[in-house]
N, C-alpha and C. Protein backbone atom coordinates (compact mmCIF):
# COMPACT_ATOMS: atom_id res chain seq x y z
N MET A 1 -20.08 54.50 -29.17
CA MET A 1 -20.02 53.03 -29.32
C MET A 1 -18.47 52.62 -29.03
N LEU A 2 -17.43 53.49 -29.30
CA LEU A 2 -16.02 53.06 -28.97
C LEU A 2 -15.83 53.23 -27.56
N ALA A 3 -16.35 54.13 -26.78
CA ALA A 3 -16.20 54.19 -25.31
C ALA A 3 -16.87 52.98 -24.74
N ARG A 4 -18.04 52.48 -25.20
CA ARG A 4 -18.69 51.32 -24.53
C ARG A 4 -17.80 50.12 -24.79
N ARG A 5 -17.20 49.85 -25.93
CA ARG A 5 -16.38 48.88 -26.27
C ARG A 5 -15.17 48.78 -25.58
N HIS A 6 -14.61 50.03 -25.34
CA HIS A 6 -13.49 50.14 -24.45
C HIS A 6 -13.74 49.81 -23.03
N ASN A 7 -14.88 50.09 -22.51
CA ASN A 7 -15.30 49.60 -21.10
C ASN A 7 -15.45 48.16 -21.03
N TRP A 8 -15.87 47.43 -22.04
CA TRP A 8 -15.98 45.99 -22.04
C TRP A 8 -14.69 45.34 -22.05
N ILE A 9 -13.75 45.99 -22.82
CA ILE A 9 -12.26 45.26 -22.87
C ILE A 9 -11.85 45.58 -21.47
N ALA A 10 -11.92 46.74 -20.94
CA ALA A 10 -11.24 47.10 -19.58
C ALA A 10 -11.99 46.14 -18.56
N ALA A 11 -13.27 45.93 -18.61
CA ALA A 11 -13.80 45.07 -17.61
C ALA A 11 -13.39 43.61 -17.72
N GLY A 12 -13.13 43.19 -19.02
CA GLY A 12 -12.66 41.82 -19.27
C GLY A 12 -11.28 41.72 -18.75
N VAL A 13 -10.45 42.59 -19.06
CA VAL A 13 -9.03 42.62 -18.41
C VAL A 13 -9.11 42.65 -16.85
N GLY A 14 -9.92 43.39 -16.27
CA GLY A 14 -10.03 43.53 -14.88
C GLY A 14 -10.36 42.14 -14.38
N LEU A 15 -11.43 41.49 -14.93
CA LEU A 15 -11.75 40.23 -14.52
C LEU A 15 -10.80 39.14 -14.67
N ALA A 16 -9.87 39.23 -15.67
CA ALA A 16 -8.86 38.30 -15.86
C ALA A 16 -7.71 38.50 -14.65
N VAL A 17 -7.58 39.71 -14.33
CA VAL A 17 -6.56 39.92 -13.29
C VAL A 17 -7.14 39.43 -12.09
N VAL A 18 -8.33 39.68 -11.71
CA VAL A 18 -9.04 39.14 -10.37
C VAL A 18 -8.96 37.47 -10.33
N VAL A 19 -9.38 36.89 -11.53
CA VAL A 19 -9.29 35.46 -11.68
C VAL A 19 -7.95 34.94 -11.36
N ALA A 20 -6.95 35.61 -11.99
CA ALA A 20 -5.56 35.18 -11.95
C ALA A 20 -5.00 35.18 -10.39
N ALA A 21 -5.47 36.46 -9.86
CA ALA A 21 -4.98 36.61 -8.38
C ALA A 21 -5.67 35.69 -7.49
N ALA A 22 -6.90 35.35 -7.89
CA ALA A 22 -7.65 34.29 -6.90
C ALA A 22 -7.34 32.98 -7.05
N SER A 23 -6.68 32.64 -8.26
CA SER A 23 -6.21 31.36 -8.42
C SER A 23 -4.85 31.10 -7.81
N ALA A 24 -4.12 32.22 -7.61
CA ALA A 24 -2.83 32.22 -7.13
C ALA A 24 -2.92 32.03 -5.46
N VAL A 25 -3.98 32.51 -4.93
CA VAL A 25 -4.12 32.35 -3.44
C VAL A 25 -4.07 30.87 -3.07
N PRO A 26 -4.61 29.90 -3.54
CA PRO A 26 -4.50 28.47 -2.89
C PRO A 26 -3.12 28.02 -2.92
N GLY A 27 -2.22 28.37 -3.95
CA GLY A 27 -0.81 28.03 -3.94
C GLY A 27 -0.07 28.64 -2.87
N TRP A 28 -0.41 30.00 -2.72
CA TRP A 28 0.23 30.79 -1.55
C TRP A 28 -0.15 30.21 -0.29
N MET A 29 -1.44 29.96 -0.16
CA MET A 29 -1.96 29.43 1.21
C MET A 29 -1.28 28.10 1.47
N ALA A 30 -1.28 27.18 0.41
CA ALA A 30 -0.59 25.85 0.55
C ALA A 30 0.81 26.02 1.10
N ALA A 31 1.58 26.88 0.35
CA ALA A 31 2.92 27.11 0.81
C ALA A 31 2.97 27.64 2.40
N ARG A 32 2.03 28.54 2.63
CA ARG A 32 2.02 29.11 3.90
C ARG A 32 1.70 28.05 5.03
N GLN A 33 0.81 27.16 4.74
CA GLN A 33 0.40 26.00 5.44
C GLN A 33 1.48 24.96 5.74
N ARG A 34 2.26 24.78 4.58
CA ARG A 34 3.35 23.87 4.70
C ARG A 34 4.42 24.37 5.72
N ASP A 35 4.65 25.75 5.61
CA ASP A 35 5.69 26.37 6.49
C ASP A 35 5.20 26.35 7.86
N ASP A 36 4.08 26.54 8.05
CA ASP A 36 3.43 26.50 9.46
C ASP A 36 3.50 25.21 10.12
N VAL A 37 3.15 24.11 9.29
CA VAL A 37 3.21 22.76 9.83
C VAL A 37 4.70 22.47 10.06
N ALA A 38 5.57 22.76 9.16
CA ALA A 38 7.10 22.45 9.30
C ALA A 38 7.59 23.09 10.49
N ARG A 39 7.11 24.46 10.78
CA ARG A 39 7.69 25.07 11.90
C ARG A 39 7.19 24.30 13.18
N ALA A 40 5.99 23.91 13.26
CA ALA A 40 5.38 23.26 14.33
C ALA A 40 6.06 21.93 14.73
N ILE A 41 6.32 21.10 13.67
CA ILE A 41 6.81 19.73 13.90
C ILE A 41 8.30 19.71 14.16
N THR A 42 9.02 20.80 13.72
CA THR A 42 10.50 20.94 13.96
C THR A 42 10.98 21.69 15.06
N GLY A 43 10.08 22.58 15.43
CA GLY A 43 10.48 23.64 16.42
C GLY A 43 11.49 24.69 15.71
N GLY A 44 11.65 24.67 14.56
CA GLY A 44 12.59 25.46 13.78
C GLY A 44 11.97 26.71 13.08
N ASP A 45 12.89 27.61 12.82
CA ASP A 45 12.35 28.75 11.99
C ASP A 45 12.97 28.77 10.58
N SER A 46 12.13 28.30 9.62
CA SER A 46 12.51 28.38 8.22
C SER A 46 13.21 29.53 7.67
N SER A 47 12.82 30.72 8.23
CA SER A 47 13.48 31.89 7.53
C SER A 47 14.75 32.03 7.88
N ARG A 48 15.23 31.43 8.77
CA ARG A 48 16.70 31.52 9.15
C ARG A 48 17.57 30.47 8.35
N ALA A 49 16.95 29.56 7.77
CA ALA A 49 17.62 28.42 7.09
C ALA A 49 18.52 28.70 5.89
N PRO A 50 18.04 29.71 4.96
CA PRO A 50 18.90 29.82 3.74
C PRO A 50 20.41 30.28 4.23
N GLU A 51 20.47 31.19 5.16
CA GLU A 51 21.83 31.59 5.51
C GLU A 51 22.56 30.48 6.12
N LEU A 52 21.94 29.63 6.94
CA LEU A 52 22.62 28.47 7.50
C LEU A 52 22.90 27.48 6.40
N ILE A 53 22.26 27.27 5.48
CA ILE A 53 22.35 26.42 4.34
C ILE A 53 23.56 26.75 3.63
N ARG A 54 23.71 28.00 3.36
CA ARG A 54 24.99 28.63 2.85
C ARG A 54 26.21 28.50 3.66
N ARG A 55 25.94 28.97 4.90
CA ARG A 55 27.31 28.86 5.76
C ARG A 55 27.70 27.61 6.00
N TYR A 56 26.96 26.60 6.03
CA TYR A 56 27.39 25.13 6.29
C TYR A 56 27.71 24.42 5.00
N GLY A 57 27.48 25.20 3.74
CA GLY A 57 27.83 24.44 2.42
C GLY A 57 27.01 23.34 2.00
N CYS A 58 25.95 23.24 2.49
CA CYS A 58 24.87 22.18 2.01
C CYS A 58 24.72 22.13 0.66
N GLY A 59 24.46 23.24 0.02
CA GLY A 59 24.36 23.33 -1.51
C GLY A 59 25.52 22.85 -2.24
N GLY A 60 26.80 22.68 -1.77
CA GLY A 60 27.81 22.09 -2.41
C GLY A 60 27.65 20.76 -2.69
N CYS A 61 26.90 19.98 -1.98
CA CYS A 61 26.58 18.54 -2.10
C CYS A 61 25.10 18.24 -2.67
N HIS A 62 24.14 19.21 -2.20
CA HIS A 62 22.65 18.86 -2.45
C HIS A 62 22.09 19.87 -3.39
N THR A 63 21.09 19.43 -4.12
CA THR A 63 20.24 20.42 -4.86
C THR A 63 19.16 20.73 -3.83
N ILE A 64 18.95 22.10 -3.60
CA ILE A 64 18.08 22.51 -2.41
C ILE A 64 17.15 23.54 -3.19
N PRO A 65 15.90 23.33 -3.16
CA PRO A 65 15.00 24.30 -3.75
C PRO A 65 15.11 25.70 -3.04
N GLY A 66 15.19 26.78 -3.86
CA GLY A 66 15.11 28.06 -3.23
C GLY A 66 16.37 28.62 -2.89
N ILE A 67 17.46 27.79 -2.96
CA ILE A 67 18.83 28.33 -2.46
C ILE A 67 19.74 28.54 -3.70
N PRO A 68 19.96 29.88 -3.95
CA PRO A 68 21.04 30.13 -4.98
C PRO A 68 22.31 29.42 -4.69
N GLY A 69 22.77 28.68 -5.88
CA GLY A 69 23.93 27.81 -5.75
C GLY A 69 23.80 26.47 -5.13
N GLY A 70 22.54 26.28 -4.68
CA GLY A 70 22.19 24.95 -4.07
C GLY A 70 21.96 24.00 -5.19
N ASP A 71 23.02 23.46 -5.83
CA ASP A 71 22.80 22.61 -7.02
C ASP A 71 23.81 21.53 -7.07
N GLY A 72 24.31 21.06 -6.01
CA GLY A 72 25.19 20.11 -5.72
C GLY A 72 24.62 18.75 -6.33
N GLN A 73 25.55 17.86 -6.59
CA GLN A 73 25.07 16.43 -7.24
C GLN A 73 25.77 15.37 -6.47
N VAL A 74 26.38 15.59 -5.34
CA VAL A 74 26.93 14.63 -4.51
C VAL A 74 25.97 13.82 -3.75
N GLY A 75 25.18 14.50 -2.92
CA GLY A 75 24.22 14.00 -2.19
C GLY A 75 22.79 13.93 -2.86
N GLY A 76 21.81 13.35 -2.36
CA GLY A 76 20.55 13.46 -2.96
C GLY A 76 19.89 14.76 -2.99
N PRO A 77 18.93 15.17 -3.96
CA PRO A 77 18.24 16.44 -3.99
C PRO A 77 17.23 16.43 -2.61
N LEU A 78 17.09 17.72 -2.20
CA LEU A 78 16.44 17.78 -0.95
C LEU A 78 14.92 18.49 -1.10
N SER A 79 14.42 18.34 -2.24
CA SER A 79 13.04 18.67 -2.50
C SER A 79 12.14 17.70 -2.01
N ASP A 80 10.98 18.13 -1.74
CA ASP A 80 9.80 17.22 -1.20
C ASP A 80 10.23 16.25 -0.05
N LEU A 81 11.09 16.71 0.75
CA LEU A 81 11.61 15.79 1.85
C LEU A 81 10.37 15.33 2.70
N ARG A 82 9.47 16.05 2.79
CA ARG A 82 8.27 15.87 3.74
C ARG A 82 7.58 14.56 3.27
N LYS A 83 7.66 14.23 2.06
CA LYS A 83 7.04 13.13 1.22
C LYS A 83 7.75 11.77 1.40
N ARG A 84 8.89 11.89 1.97
CA ARG A 84 9.77 10.63 1.71
C ARG A 84 9.48 9.85 3.11
N VAL A 85 9.77 8.46 2.89
CA VAL A 85 9.59 7.56 4.22
C VAL A 85 10.80 7.51 4.97
N TYR A 86 12.06 7.73 4.23
CA TYR A 86 13.28 7.66 5.06
C TYR A 86 14.02 8.96 4.97
N VAL A 87 15.03 9.22 5.80
CA VAL A 87 15.93 10.22 5.71
C VAL A 87 17.12 9.51 5.35
N ALA A 88 17.86 9.98 4.37
CA ALA A 88 19.14 9.39 3.74
C ALA A 88 19.08 7.81 3.61
N GLY A 89 17.84 7.23 3.62
CA GLY A 89 17.74 5.86 3.40
C GLY A 89 18.22 5.09 4.53
N VAL A 90 18.30 5.69 5.77
CA VAL A 90 18.68 4.90 6.84
C VAL A 90 17.94 4.90 8.03
N THR A 91 16.95 5.89 8.19
CA THR A 91 16.19 6.16 9.44
C THR A 91 14.83 6.69 8.95
N GLY A 92 13.91 6.50 9.73
CA GLY A 92 12.56 6.90 9.48
C GLY A 92 12.44 8.43 9.35
N ASN A 93 11.51 8.90 8.53
CA ASN A 93 11.50 10.36 8.20
C ASN A 93 10.53 10.93 9.37
N SER A 94 11.19 11.52 10.44
CA SER A 94 10.51 12.05 11.35
C SER A 94 11.31 13.47 11.55
N ALA A 95 10.77 14.49 12.25
CA ALA A 95 11.50 15.74 12.49
C ALA A 95 12.65 15.52 13.36
N ASP A 96 12.50 14.70 14.40
CA ASP A 96 13.65 14.45 15.32
C ASP A 96 14.72 13.72 14.67
N ASN A 97 14.37 12.61 13.72
CA ASN A 97 15.55 11.93 13.01
C ASN A 97 16.14 12.70 12.06
N LEU A 98 15.37 13.73 11.40
CA LEU A 98 16.08 14.58 10.37
C LEU A 98 17.03 15.56 11.06
N VAL A 99 16.63 16.15 12.22
CA VAL A 99 17.35 17.14 12.92
C VAL A 99 18.63 16.34 13.35
N ALA A 100 18.54 15.19 13.87
CA ALA A 100 19.75 14.31 14.40
C ALA A 100 20.56 14.01 13.20
N TRP A 101 20.03 13.74 12.03
CA TRP A 101 20.98 13.32 10.85
C TRP A 101 21.51 14.45 10.48
N ILE A 102 21.03 15.68 10.45
CA ILE A 102 21.79 16.88 10.04
C ILE A 102 22.85 17.29 10.90
N VAL A 103 22.62 17.10 12.22
CA VAL A 103 23.76 17.31 13.27
C VAL A 103 24.81 16.26 13.11
N ASP A 104 24.61 14.99 13.02
CA ASP A 104 25.58 13.95 13.11
C ASP A 104 25.31 12.85 12.22
N PRO A 105 25.46 12.97 11.06
CA PRO A 105 25.04 11.86 10.02
C PRO A 105 25.79 10.49 10.16
N PRO A 106 27.08 10.62 10.72
CA PRO A 106 27.88 9.36 10.93
C PRO A 106 27.27 8.47 12.03
N ARG A 107 26.48 9.13 13.00
CA ARG A 107 25.88 8.37 14.04
C ARG A 107 24.80 7.37 13.49
N PHE A 108 24.28 7.76 12.42
CA PHE A 108 23.19 6.79 11.71
C PHE A 108 23.86 5.88 10.73
N SER A 109 24.85 6.37 10.13
CA SER A 109 25.48 5.72 8.92
C SER A 109 27.14 6.03 9.02
N PRO A 110 27.91 5.19 9.70
CA PRO A 110 29.20 5.52 9.86
C PRO A 110 29.99 5.61 8.55
N ARG A 111 29.61 5.11 7.51
CA ARG A 111 30.20 5.12 6.21
C ARG A 111 29.66 6.30 5.17
N THR A 112 28.68 7.12 5.83
CA THR A 112 28.11 8.03 4.77
C THR A 112 29.17 9.06 4.40
N ALA A 113 28.94 9.65 3.31
CA ALA A 113 29.91 10.67 2.80
C ALA A 113 29.42 12.06 3.48
N MET A 114 28.36 12.08 4.04
CA MET A 114 28.01 13.54 4.68
C MET A 114 28.57 13.58 5.91
N PRO A 115 29.36 14.62 6.16
CA PRO A 115 30.24 14.83 7.40
C PRO A 115 29.36 15.62 8.36
N ALA A 116 29.67 15.46 9.64
CA ALA A 116 29.25 16.19 10.74
C ALA A 116 29.81 17.57 10.48
N THR A 117 29.01 18.71 10.16
CA THR A 117 29.56 19.97 9.88
C THR A 117 29.68 21.01 11.09
N GLY A 118 29.32 20.57 12.20
CA GLY A 118 29.42 21.49 13.44
C GLY A 118 28.03 22.28 13.64
N ILE A 119 27.07 21.90 12.68
CA ILE A 119 25.83 22.63 12.97
C ILE A 119 25.17 22.30 14.46
N SER A 120 24.59 23.18 14.95
CA SER A 120 24.11 22.91 16.24
C SER A 120 22.52 22.40 16.03
N GLU A 121 22.06 21.82 17.17
CA GLU A 121 20.69 21.24 17.13
C GLU A 121 19.75 22.29 16.78
N ARG A 122 19.84 23.59 17.39
CA ARG A 122 18.95 24.66 17.09
C ARG A 122 19.05 25.07 15.60
N GLU A 123 20.06 25.17 15.03
CA GLU A 123 20.41 25.39 13.60
C GLU A 123 19.73 24.36 12.71
N ALA A 124 20.05 23.12 13.19
CA ALA A 124 19.50 21.94 12.37
C ALA A 124 17.97 22.07 12.24
N ARG A 125 17.29 22.37 13.29
CA ARG A 125 15.92 22.52 13.39
C ARG A 125 15.37 23.47 12.43
N ASP A 126 16.02 24.64 12.31
CA ASP A 126 15.74 25.65 11.29
C ASP A 126 15.91 25.23 9.90
N VAL A 127 16.90 24.34 9.77
CA VAL A 127 17.14 23.84 8.35
C VAL A 127 16.16 22.74 8.06
N ALA A 128 15.69 22.05 8.99
CA ALA A 128 14.79 20.91 8.90
C ALA A 128 13.39 21.55 8.55
N ALA A 129 13.06 22.58 9.32
CA ALA A 129 11.72 23.28 9.05
C ALA A 129 11.80 23.77 7.50
N TYR A 130 12.89 24.42 7.10
CA TYR A 130 12.94 24.87 5.61
C TYR A 130 12.72 23.59 4.65
N LEU A 131 13.32 22.58 4.88
CA LEU A 131 13.37 21.37 4.01
C LEU A 131 11.88 20.81 4.08
N TYR A 132 11.36 20.66 5.21
CA TYR A 132 9.90 20.18 5.14
C TYR A 132 9.00 21.08 4.57
N ALA A 133 9.16 22.33 4.48
CA ALA A 133 8.22 23.39 3.98
C ALA A 133 8.48 23.39 2.44
N ARG A 134 9.41 22.89 1.69
CA ARG A 134 9.56 22.91 0.40
C ARG A 134 9.15 21.51 -0.40
C-alpha cells in the first residue's frame, strides 16, 4: 500500500514538473521571437550589446534591463522600447531612427543631455537589437 501511495506522489510531482516546464516554453519562445525580430529589423546582434552598453557607459544614465549596473536615473529607462511611439520623444520609433539617435543624439535634439559617445553605426545596431528585444 505504501509503495502504491509513493508511486502516486512521484507521478504527481513528475506531472507538476512537466506542466511547469511546458508553461515556461511560451515565455522562452516569445523572448526568442522578440530577439529574432529585433535582429531582423536592426541588422544587429543583440548578443554583442551588453559589452557595448558597458563600454559606452549607457547604464550610468539609463536603467537597462538585463545589464548589471544599468540603473542610471538621468535618462529614461530603456525597457519595452519596441512599444514606444517615439525615440527620446523627438523622432519616430523605427530601427533606423533608433540607431541614428544612439550614434548622434544632438543631430536630432541639439540640447539633449545625451552625448555622442563615439559608438559606431554597427555597434549601435547591436545595441538597438538588444533594446528592441527587451
